[in-house]
């Protein structure tokens, strides 16, 4: 995993422009495959994008804060 830095991200749940950290995961057995993950402060994972050719994408659509 490589920590890239702060980013902005738009998902169905909303727009995050502060406190968003992006990481890049590399797959050793498939060097051309990467997974980009976006984490929003106070929420957690909000977006995951795969560049494996299938266009895999997981987006946050709802969120309920814990107690």
Foldseek 3Di string as FASTA:
>chain_A
DAWDAADWDQFQQGTDRPQKTWDWDADVVDRVKIKIWIAHPQFGTAKIFIPPVPGDIDGDNDGDHDD
